Amino acid sequence: MYSYSIRTLDELKEFLYQAMRLEHATIPPYLTALYSIKPGVNQDATQVLRVIVVEEMLHLTIAANILNAIGGTPDLTRPDFAVDYPASLPDGETDFKVGIQAFGREALATFLKIERPAQRPIHLVGKGLIHRKTSPHTTALGNDPRHEDLHFYSIGEFYSTIAEGIKYLEAEAHRVGTTIFTGDRSRQITSEYYYSGGGELFAVTDLKSALEAIELIIEQGEGDGGGIYDDNEHELAHYYRFDELVKGRYYQKGDQPGHPTGPQLQVDWEGAYPIKANLKVVDIDIKEGSELREAATAFNKRYGEFLQLLTRAYNGQPSLLLEAVPIMFEFRNMIFELVRNPLPNHPGKNGSPTYEIPGSTKQAAITRQAEVSA
């Protein structure tokens, strides 16, 4: 049986890079759903999505801290960093698609799958990774970076493998009197550079802090040990925040997973602009939709600059991270310009951000194809 254990430092660095890709990949779907909501409605949903977007940025930064701690180099400008939507994430023995779409029941169902606590059923315990062919046209996340057709059962299992790899490599280093935590500590991002109400951002400098960082990511997503709250018992895990919206009722202390008993909350499932899911710039008519096309292209350029800023922040200029969250919410006006306007030749559908980042692998291929077609 193939062993998916991490046994070298280079393997660990690649897993952590993939963790950064995974955490970032949730931000565009959440951000788009947030700003697809029409003004004046769905205040509860708006607040939930705003908080979760900020916390996903926290998770991205935590993964960068761990990578920096072991001497890696976080690079959000690598051609393969930004994924092409819809992308695939593991859902047990199958996978599911995560795409760019408007706020609504379908989006919430996807978000619950992203954050869902998942443990292997008895018949799969100890059976290794799930073998599943990946389409060459689909970005798959949550798989083994060394073997793209081997997938983890869940995101939690992916992170558990990273934690075990860190423990193994640090133990091996300890035997010869060294450590894997040799990174430049000045690159660590701490809470003074990034505020998130959902968790403290701390420096990763040793085994203990690295494992605590991974635990924070898992607990904020799916809850602590099967409960609805994170380890501090004061913040609902992401899964249960979304579950509140689906069930139309708040959780309160003492509630069991799946059974909120708090006050009701209102969700207007029609209170979002009808954007075209997974829109691409090439889908926007170059003549009738010229202004919309220009707006989509401008957004992609600005988003690429955002990733460049994060890369600099993670590589020795941590104060730049103070600009990150304001820029993320600056995207509001740019996204509104897209989602409020009808999409030519697509009746009943509006525009949307496409997140085709200039310089990315997929975008470079699309550009080349367009040039050949022209």
Protein backbone atom coordinates (compact mmCIF):
# COMPACT_ATOMS: atom_id res chain seq x y z
CA MET A 1 0.00 0.00 0.00
CA TYR A 2 1.24 3.48 -0.88
CA SER A 3 2.30 5.43 2.19
CA TYR A 4 1.03 9.00 2.18
CA SER A 5 3.19 9.92 5.19
CA ILE A 6 5.42 12.98 4.88
CA ARG A 7 9.05 11.92 5.24
CA THR A 8 11.15 14.79 3.88
CA LEU A 9 11.31 18.52 4.52
CA ASP A 10 10.69 19.25 0.85
CA GLU A 11 7.52 17.17 0.97
CA LEU A 12 6.36 19.06 4.04
CA LYS A 13 6.99 22.39 2.33
CA GLU A 14 4.93 21.33 -0.68
CA PHE A 15 2.07 20.12 1.54
CA LEU A 16 2.06 23.49 3.31
CA TYR A 17 2.03 25.32 -0.01
CA GLN A 18 -0.97 23.22 -0.99
CA ALA A 19 -2.57 24.12 2.35
CA MET A 20 -2.16 27.79 1.44
CA ARG A 21 -3.79 27.14 -1.94
CA LEU A 22 -6.63 25.33 -0.22
CA GLU A 23 -7.28 28.11 2.30
CA HIS A 24 -7.11 30.78 -0.36
CA ALA A 25 -9.44 28.82 -2.66
CA THR A 26 -12.33 29.34 -0.24
CA ILE A 27 -11.99 33.13 -0.21
CA PRO A 28 -13.27 33.98 -3.74
CA PRO A 29 -16.47 31.85 -3.38
CA TYR A 30 -17.22 33.34 0.05
CA LEU A 31 -16.35 36.88 -1.04
CA THR A 32 -18.51 36.66 -4.17
CA ALA A 33 -21.48 35.24 -2.25
CA LEU A 34 -21.09 38.07 0.26
CA TYR A 35 -21.16 40.83 -2.33
CA SER A 36 -23.84 39.21 -4.46
CA ILE A 37 -26.32 39.96 -1.64
CA LYS A 38 -28.53 42.92 -2.52
CA PRO A 39 -28.25 46.00 -0.26
CA GLY A 40 -30.64 46.11 2.68
CA VAL A 41 -31.42 42.38 2.92
CA ASN A 42 -29.84 39.32 4.53
CA GLN A 43 -28.01 41.19 7.26
CA ASP A 44 -27.38 37.98 9.22
CA ALA A 45 -25.92 36.22 6.20
CA THR A 46 -23.79 39.25 5.38
CA GLN A 47 -22.31 39.26 8.87
CA VAL A 48 -21.61 35.52 8.80
CA LEU A 49 -19.83 35.71 5.45
CA ARG A 50 -17.79 38.79 6.43
CA VAL A 51 -16.51 37.06 9.58
CA ILE A 52 -15.67 33.83 7.75
CA VAL A 53 -13.82 35.63 4.94
CA VAL A 54 -11.62 37.35 7.53
CA GLU A 55 -10.99 34.04 9.32
CA GLU A 56 -10.09 32.27 6.06
CA MET A 57 -7.47 34.98 5.58
CA LEU A 58 -6.29 34.13 9.08
CA HIS A 59 -5.97 30.45 8.11
CA LEU A 60 -4.02 31.38 4.98
CA THR A 61 -1.66 33.44 7.13
CA ILE A 62 -1.27 30.63 9.67
CA ALA A 63 -0.25 28.23 6.90
CA ALA A 64 2.29 30.82 5.70
CA ASN A 65 3.65 31.13 9.24
CA ILE A 66 4.20 27.36 9.45
CA LEU A 67 5.88 27.30 6.04
CA ASN A 68 8.13 30.20 7.04
CA ALA A 69 8.96 28.49 10.33
CA ILE A 70 10.53 25.51 8.54
CA GLY A 71 12.51 27.66 6.11
CA GLY A 72 10.02 27.66 3.24
CA THR A 73 9.02 30.59 1.05
CA PRO A 74 5.31 31.44 0.78
CA ASP A 75 4.63 32.47 -2.80
CA LEU A 76 1.09 33.38 -3.81
CA THR A 77 2.33 34.47 -7.24
CA ARG A 78 3.27 30.98 -8.42
CA PRO A 79 1.42 30.28 -11.69
CA ASP A 80 -0.59 27.46 -10.12
CA PHE A 81 -1.53 29.23 -6.87
CA ALA A 82 -4.88 30.73 -7.90
CA VAL A 83 -7.25 27.91 -8.82
CA ASP A 84 -9.59 27.74 -11.78
CA TYR A 85 -13.24 27.57 -10.74
CA PRO A 86 -15.05 25.30 -10.33
CA ALA A 87 -12.39 23.40 -8.37
CA SER A 88 -12.73 20.02 -6.65
CA LEU A 89 -12.50 19.36 -2.92
CA PRO A 90 -12.64 15.98 -1.17
CA ASP A 91 -16.00 14.78 0.11
CA GLY A 92 -15.27 11.33 1.49
CA GLU A 93 -15.10 8.72 -1.27
CA THR A 94 -16.10 11.27 -3.91
CA ASP A 95 -15.43 14.95 -4.45
CA PHE A 96 -17.53 18.04 -4.97
CA LYS A 97 -17.22 21.20 -6.97
CA VAL A 98 -16.57 24.60 -5.41
CA GLY A 99 -17.43 27.43 -7.72
CA ILE A 100 -18.18 31.12 -7.96
CA GLN A 101 -21.92 31.68 -7.51
CA ALA A 102 -24.49 33.96 -5.91
CA PHE A 103 -25.62 33.64 -2.30
CA GLY A 104 -28.45 31.12 -2.06
CA ARG A 105 -29.35 27.59 -1.02
CA GLU A 106 -26.99 26.00 -3.54
CA ALA A 107 -24.07 28.14 -2.37
CA LEU A 108 -24.80 27.34 1.29
CA ALA A 109 -24.90 23.60 0.51
CA THR A 110 -21.44 23.91 -1.02
CA PHE A 111 -20.10 25.96 1.90
CA LEU A 112 -21.33 23.35 4.37
CA LYS A 113 -19.44 20.68 2.42
CA ILE A 114 -16.25 22.79 2.53
CA GLU A 115 -16.40 23.10 6.32
CA ARG A 116 -18.04 19.74 7.11
CA PRO A 117 -16.48 17.61 9.88
CA ALA A 118 -15.58 14.29 8.29
CA GLN A 119 -14.33 11.06 9.77
CA ARG A 120 -13.78 7.88 7.83
CA PRO A 121 -16.43 5.19 8.16
CA ILE A 122 -15.22 1.96 9.77
CA HIS A 123 -14.81 0.14 6.45
CA LEU A 124 -12.32 2.78 5.24
CA VAL A 125 -10.24 3.17 8.42
CA GLY A 126 -6.61 2.34 7.66
CA LYS A 127 -7.30 1.94 3.93
CA GLY A 128 -5.02 4.73 2.72
CA LEU A 129 -5.93 7.51 0.31
CA ILE A 130 -8.92 7.44 -2.03
CA HIS A 131 -7.94 6.73 -5.64
CA ARG A 132 -9.90 8.92 -8.00
CA LYS A 133 -8.93 10.13 -11.46
CA THR A 134 -8.69 13.90 -11.70
CA SER A 135 -9.90 15.57 -14.87
CA PRO A 136 -7.06 17.44 -16.58
CA HIS A 137 -9.43 20.42 -16.84
CA THR A 138 -10.21 20.57 -13.10
CA THR A 139 -8.14 21.94 -10.24
CA ALA A 140 -8.21 19.33 -7.46
CA LEU A 141 -7.44 20.39 -3.89
CA GLY A 142 -7.00 18.16 -0.86
CA ASN A 143 -5.08 15.53 -2.78
CA ASP A 144 -1.54 14.24 -2.27
CA PRO A 145 0.72 16.73 -4.09
CA ARG A 146 3.02 13.83 -5.03
CA HIS A 147 0.19 11.81 -6.64
CA GLU A 148 -2.67 13.91 -8.01
CA ASP A 149 -5.07 10.96 -8.31
CA LEU A 150 -4.76 10.06 -4.61
CA HIS A 151 -7.16 12.10 -2.47
CA PHE A 152 -7.56 12.57 1.25
CA TYR A 153 -10.93 11.61 2.70
CA SER A 154 -11.42 15.13 4.07
CA ILE A 155 -9.66 18.44 4.56
CA GLY A 156 -9.22 17.53 8.23
CA GLU A 157 -7.38 14.36 7.21
CA PHE A 158 -5.13 16.42 4.93
CA TYR A 159 -4.17 18.66 7.86
CA SER A 160 -3.69 15.69 10.19
CA THR A 161 -1.15 14.31 7.71
CA ILE A 162 0.74 17.61 7.84
CA ALA A 163 0.72 17.52 11.65
CA GLU A 164 2.06 13.97 11.69
CA GLY A 165 4.75 14.92 9.17
CA ILE A 166 5.88 17.82 11.33
CA LYS A 167 6.09 15.58 14.40
CA TYR A 168 8.04 12.90 12.51
CA LEU A 169 10.56 15.28 10.91
CA GLU A 170 11.14 17.20 14.15
CA ALA A 171 11.75 13.94 16.02
CA GLU A 172 14.26 12.87 13.35
CA ALA A 173 16.02 16.23 13.57
CA HIS A 174 16.02 16.08 17.37
CA ARG A 175 17.87 12.76 17.27
CA VAL A 176 20.87 14.47 15.67
CA GLY A 177 20.63 17.60 17.78
CA THR A 178 18.94 19.89 15.26
CA THR A 179 15.44 21.16 14.46
CA ILE A 180 13.31 21.72 11.38
CA PHE A 181 12.26 25.13 12.73
CA THR A 182 15.11 27.10 11.19
CA GLY A 183 13.13 29.87 9.50
CA ASP A 184 13.67 33.60 9.94
CA ARG A 185 11.46 34.57 12.89
CA SER A 186 11.08 38.13 11.62
CA ARG A 187 8.82 36.72 8.90
CA GLN A 188 6.23 35.52 11.40
CA ILE A 189 2.90 37.34 11.28
CA THR A 190 1.36 38.02 14.69
CA SER A 191 -1.86 39.66 15.88
CA GLU A 192 -0.38 43.15 15.80
CA TYR A 193 -0.46 42.88 12.00
CA TYR A 194 -3.80 41.14 11.58
CA TYR A 195 -6.93 41.28 13.70
CA SER A 196 -9.41 38.44 13.62
CA GLY A 197 -12.07 38.08 16.29
CA GLY A 198 -11.97 34.34 15.74
CA GLY A 199 -8.49 33.59 16.96
CA GLU A 200 -5.12 34.94 17.95
CA LEU A 201 -2.42 34.99 15.31
CA PHE A 202 0.81 33.85 16.90
CA ALA A 203 4.37 33.13 15.81
CA VAL A 204 5.22 29.54 14.88
CA THR A 205 8.68 28.76 16.19
CA ASP A 206 8.62 25.16 17.40
CA LEU A 207 6.70 21.89 17.40
CA LYS A 208 4.18 23.01 20.01
CA SER A 209 3.21 26.24 18.25
CA ALA A 210 3.06 24.50 14.84
CA LEU A 211 0.61 21.88 16.10
CA GLU A 212 -1.47 24.53 17.87
CA ALA A 213 -1.65 26.49 14.61
CA ILE A 214 -2.94 23.48 12.67
CA GLU A 215 -5.45 22.72 15.41
CA LEU A 216 -6.78 26.27 15.21
CA ILE A 217 -7.45 25.94 11.48
CA ILE A 218 -9.32 22.65 11.95
CA GLU A 219 -11.35 23.81 14.95
CA GLN A 220 -12.46 27.08 13.37
CA GLY A 221 -13.72 25.19 10.35
CA GLU A 222 -15.46 22.15 11.76
CA GLY A 223 -15.52 22.61 15.53
CA ASP A 224 -13.65 21.08 18.44
CA GLY A 225 -13.99 17.34 18.97
CA GLY A 226 -17.46 17.10 17.48
CA GLY A 227 -18.79 20.22 19.26
CA ILE A 228 -20.19 23.33 17.64
CA TYR A 229 -17.62 25.74 19.06
CA ASP A 230 -13.89 26.13 18.63
CA ASP A 231 -11.53 25.18 21.44
CA ASN A 232 -12.15 28.43 23.31
CA GLU A 233 -15.89 27.72 23.53
CA HIS A 234 -16.78 31.25 22.45
CA GLU A 235 -16.86 31.19 18.64
CA LEU A 236 -19.06 28.99 16.49
CA ALA A 237 -17.14 26.92 13.97
CA HIS A 238 -17.71 27.91 10.33
CA TYR A 239 -19.80 24.83 9.61
CA TYR A 240 -22.33 25.75 12.28
CA ARG A 241 -22.44 29.42 11.25
CA PHE A 242 -23.58 28.28 7.81
CA ASP A 243 -25.91 25.73 9.40
CA GLU A 244 -27.64 28.57 11.28
CA LEU A 245 -28.47 30.23 7.97
CA VAL A 246 -29.80 27.01 6.45
CA LYS A 247 -31.95 26.22 9.50
CA GLY A 248 -33.01 29.83 10.09
CA ARG A 249 -32.16 29.72 13.77
CA TYR A 250 -29.17 30.63 15.95
CA TYR A 251 -27.19 28.16 18.02
CA GLN A 252 -26.83 28.87 21.72
CA LYS A 253 -24.84 27.34 24.57
CA GLY A 254 -25.75 23.74 25.20
CA ASP A 255 -27.10 23.06 21.71
CA GLN A 256 -26.16 19.85 19.93
CA PRO A 257 -24.80 19.81 16.37
CA GLY A 258 -27.63 20.08 13.88
CA HIS A 259 -30.17 21.26 16.47
CA PRO A 260 -30.01 25.04 17.07
CA THR A 261 -32.55 26.29 19.62
CA GLY A 262 -31.76 30.02 19.73
CA PRO A 263 -33.70 32.93 18.24
CA GLN A 264 -34.91 32.73 14.65
CA LEU A 265 -33.06 34.53 11.89
CA GLN A 266 -34.42 35.57 8.54
CA VAL A 267 -32.89 34.59 5.22
CA ASP A 268 -34.19 35.94 1.91
CA TRP A 269 -33.12 33.24 -0.54
CA GLU A 270 -34.01 35.50 -3.47
CA GLY A 271 -32.12 38.46 -2.04
CA ALA A 272 -29.03 38.18 -4.25
CA TYR A 273 -28.17 39.28 -7.77
CA PRO A 274 -28.55 36.44 -10.31
CA ILE A 275 -24.93 36.17 -11.37
CA LYS A 276 -23.74 33.62 -13.93
CA ALA A 277 -21.88 30.90 -12.05
CA ASN A 278 -18.20 30.40 -12.87
CA LEU A 279 -18.14 33.15 -15.47
CA LYS A 280 -14.98 33.60 -17.57
CA VAL A 281 -13.87 36.82 -19.24
CA VAL A 282 -14.07 35.08 -22.61
CA ASP A 283 -17.82 34.52 -21.97
CA ILE A 284 -18.47 38.28 -21.93
CA ASP A 285 -19.36 39.60 -25.36
CA ILE A 286 -16.45 41.75 -26.50
CA LYS A 287 -18.77 44.29 -28.19
CA GLU A 288 -22.07 44.38 -26.29
CA GLY A 289 -20.36 43.74 -22.95
CA SER A 290 -17.21 45.78 -23.43
CA GLU A 291 -17.63 47.77 -20.19
CA LEU A 292 -18.42 44.63 -18.19
CA ARG A 293 -15.43 42.87 -19.73
CA GLU A 294 -13.18 45.79 -18.82
CA ALA A 295 -14.52 45.75 -15.25
CA ALA A 296 -13.87 41.99 -14.93
CA THR A 297 -10.35 42.40 -16.29
CA ALA A 298 -9.66 45.32 -13.93
CA PHE A 299 -10.85 43.26 -10.98
CA ASN A 300 -8.59 40.35 -11.92
CA LYS A 301 -5.61 42.69 -12.18
CA ARG A 302 -6.38 44.19 -8.75
CA TYR A 303 -6.81 40.75 -7.23
CA GLY A 304 -3.44 39.72 -8.65
CA GLU A 305 -1.92 42.79 -6.96
CA PHE A 306 -3.58 41.68 -3.73
CA LEU A 307 -1.81 38.29 -3.95
CA GLN A 308 1.48 40.07 -4.67
CA LEU A 309 0.99 42.20 -1.55
CA LEU A 310 0.34 39.10 0.58
CA THR A 311 3.48 37.47 -0.81
CA ARG A 312 5.57 40.47 0.24
CA ALA A 313 3.89 40.51 3.65
CA TYR A 314 4.74 36.84 4.20
CA ASN A 315 8.33 37.34 3.09
CA GLY A 316 9.67 39.90 5.53
CA GLN A 317 7.26 42.85 5.32
CA PRO A 318 4.54 41.82 7.81
CA SER A 319 3.20 45.37 8.22
CA LEU A 320 1.82 45.15 4.67
CA LEU A 321 -0.77 42.72 6.02
CA LEU A 322 -2.46 45.68 7.71
CA GLU A 323 -3.58 46.67 4.21
CA ALA A 324 -4.91 43.22 3.28
CA VAL A 325 -8.36 43.20 4.91
CA PRO A 326 -9.20 46.79 3.83
CA ILE A 327 -8.27 45.83 0.26
CA MET A 328 -10.46 42.73 0.48
CA PHE A 329 -13.41 44.90 1.37
CA GLU A 330 -12.37 47.46 -1.25
CA PHE A 331 -13.26 44.69 -3.71
CA ARG A 332 -16.89 45.34 -2.72
CA ASN A 333 -17.34 48.23 -5.13
CA MET A 334 -15.55 46.41 -7.96
CA ILE A 335 -17.69 43.30 -7.48
CA PHE A 336 -20.89 45.38 -7.23
CA GLU A 337 -20.05 46.91 -10.60
CA LEU A 338 -20.07 43.39 -12.04
CA VAL A 339 -22.95 41.68 -10.24
CA ARG A 340 -25.45 44.53 -10.66
CA ASN A 341 -25.20 44.60 -14.44
CA PRO A 342 -26.89 42.22 -16.92
CA LEU A 343 -24.64 39.86 -18.87
CA PRO A 344 -25.17 40.33 -22.62
CA ASN A 345 -26.53 37.23 -24.43
CA HIS A 346 -27.28 35.50 -21.12
CA PRO A 347 -30.93 36.36 -20.33
CA GLY A 348 -31.67 36.67 -16.63
CA LYS A 349 -28.00 36.53 -15.64
CA ASN A 350 -25.66 39.24 -14.37
CA GLY A 351 -21.91 39.61 -14.45
CA SER A 352 -19.50 38.30 -11.84
CA PRO A 353 -15.83 38.41 -10.92
CA THR A 354 -13.91 35.61 -12.66
CA TYR A 355 -10.72 35.42 -10.57
CA GLU A 356 -8.60 34.70 -13.63
CA ILE A 357 -5.37 36.12 -12.27
CA PRO A 358 -2.91 37.51 -14.83
CA GLY A 359 0.09 35.20 -15.01
CA SER A 360 -1.69 32.14 -13.62
CA THR A 361 -1.31 28.83 -15.48
CA LYS A 362 -4.95 28.65 -16.55
CA GLN A 363 -5.17 32.32 -17.52
CA ALA A 364 -2.02 32.04 -19.64
CA ALA A 365 -3.57 29.08 -21.48
CA ILE A 366 -6.84 30.97 -22.07
CA THR A 367 -4.97 33.99 -23.40
CA ARG A 368 -2.96 31.84 -25.81
CA GLN A 369 -6.17 30.13 -26.98
CA ALA A 370 -7.88 33.48 -27.56
CA GLU A 371 -4.90 34.71 -29.56
CA VAL A 372 -4.99 31.60 -31.76
CA SER A 373 -8.76 31.97 -32.27
CA ALA A 374 -8.31 35.60 -33.27
